Amino acid sequence: MGWASKENGALLDLASGKFDVFVTTDRRLSYQQAVSKFEIAVIVLIARRSKLEFLLPLIPELRRVLGLVKPGQVYRVGV
């Protein structure tokens, strides 16, 4: 997709309207971006580290939250 070099605001702008949810481990994203202005929900995965072994236990809660998301809202999984 060519989005690797994009910053968070640009990523949200590109993803808005193309995807329903933006999943990230960047805890600061919701404080740095006005997520409510985008037509996409943001899910922040909160784990001790962003390695797969620490993220895998969050999958059941992530799946549950995916059914509840609304555009412009931020959800935290693993809090």
Protein backbone atom coordinates (compact mmCIF):
# COMPACT_ATOMS: atom_id res chain seq x y z
CA MET A 1 0.00 0.00 0.00
CA GLY A 2 3.02 2.27 0.36
CA TRP A 3 2.02 3.58 3.79
CA ALA A 4 5.16 2.54 5.71
CA SER A 5 6.66 6.02 5.92
CA LYS A 6 3.40 7.77 6.90
CA GLU A 7 2.90 9.42 10.29
CA ASN A 8 -0.13 8.60 12.47
CA GLY A 9 -2.33 11.48 11.26
CA ALA A 10 -1.63 10.66 7.62
CA LEU A 11 -2.23 6.96 8.29
CA LEU A 12 -5.59 7.65 9.88
CA ASP A 13 -6.53 9.91 6.98
CA LEU A 14 -5.56 7.28 4.41
CA ALA A 15 -7.30 4.45 6.29
CA SER A 16 -10.46 6.45 7.00
CA GLY A 17 -13.21 5.35 4.66
CA LYS A 18 -11.23 2.31 3.50
CA PHE A 19 -11.14 0.42 6.79
CA ASP A 20 -13.44 0.28 9.80
CA VAL A 21 -10.73 -0.05 12.45
CA PHE A 22 -7.13 1.07 12.94
CA VAL A 23 -5.32 -1.23 15.41
CA THR A 24 -2.10 0.04 16.97
CA THR A 25 0.21 -0.42 19.95
CA ASP A 26 0.98 3.33 19.98
CA ARG A 27 -0.50 4.48 23.29
CA ARG A 28 0.12 8.14 22.45
CA LEU A 29 -1.87 8.14 19.20
CA SER A 30 -5.18 9.05 20.81
CA TYR A 31 -3.55 11.99 22.62
CA GLN A 32 -1.66 13.22 19.56
CA GLN A 33 -4.50 12.93 17.03
CA ALA A 34 -8.09 14.18 17.03
CA VAL A 35 -9.47 10.71 16.33
CA SER A 36 -13.06 11.97 16.40
CA LYS A 37 -12.54 13.77 13.08
CA PHE A 38 -11.80 10.51 11.25
CA GLU A 39 -14.33 7.99 9.94
CA ILE A 40 -12.46 5.11 11.55
CA ALA A 41 -12.31 3.57 15.01
CA VAL A 42 -8.97 3.18 16.77
CA ILE A 43 -8.10 0.24 19.00
CA VAL A 44 -4.97 0.61 21.10
CA LEU A 45 -3.45 -2.66 22.27
CA ILE A 46 -1.90 -2.20 25.71
CA ALA A 47 0.75 -4.79 26.46
CA ARG A 48 4.05 -4.81 28.32
CA ARG A 49 5.85 -5.02 24.98
CA SER A 50 4.67 -4.99 21.37
CA LYS A 51 6.07 -8.43 20.64
CA LEU A 52 3.63 -11.07 19.41
CA GLU A 53 3.94 -13.18 22.57
CA PHE A 54 2.65 -10.24 24.64
CA LEU A 55 -0.09 -9.31 22.15
CA LEU A 56 -1.58 -12.77 21.60
CA PRO A 57 -3.31 -12.88 25.02
CA LEU A 58 -5.20 -9.72 24.01
CA ILE A 59 -6.89 -11.38 21.01
CA PRO A 60 -10.08 -12.55 22.80
CA GLU A 61 -10.74 -9.03 24.13
CA LEU A 62 -9.80 -7.50 20.77
CA ARG A 63 -12.35 -9.72 19.03
CA ARG A 64 -15.04 -8.67 21.52
CA VAL A 65 -14.27 -4.97 21.08
CA LEU A 66 -14.27 -5.26 17.28
CA GLY A 67 -18.00 -5.94 17.49
CA LEU A 68 -18.61 -2.71 19.42
CA VAL A 69 -16.49 -0.09 17.65
CA LYS A 70 -17.85 3.16 16.29
CA PRO A 71 -16.03 5.56 13.94
CA GLY A 72 -14.19 8.38 15.66
CA GLN A 73 -13.86 6.49 18.94
CA VAL A 74 -10.76 5.11 20.70
CA TYR A 75 -10.84 1.78 22.49
CA ARG A 76 -8.13 0.33 24.69
CA VAL A 77 -7.59 -3.42 24.96
CA GLY A 78 -5.42 -4.81 27.70
CA VAL A 79 -5.87 -2.04 30.25
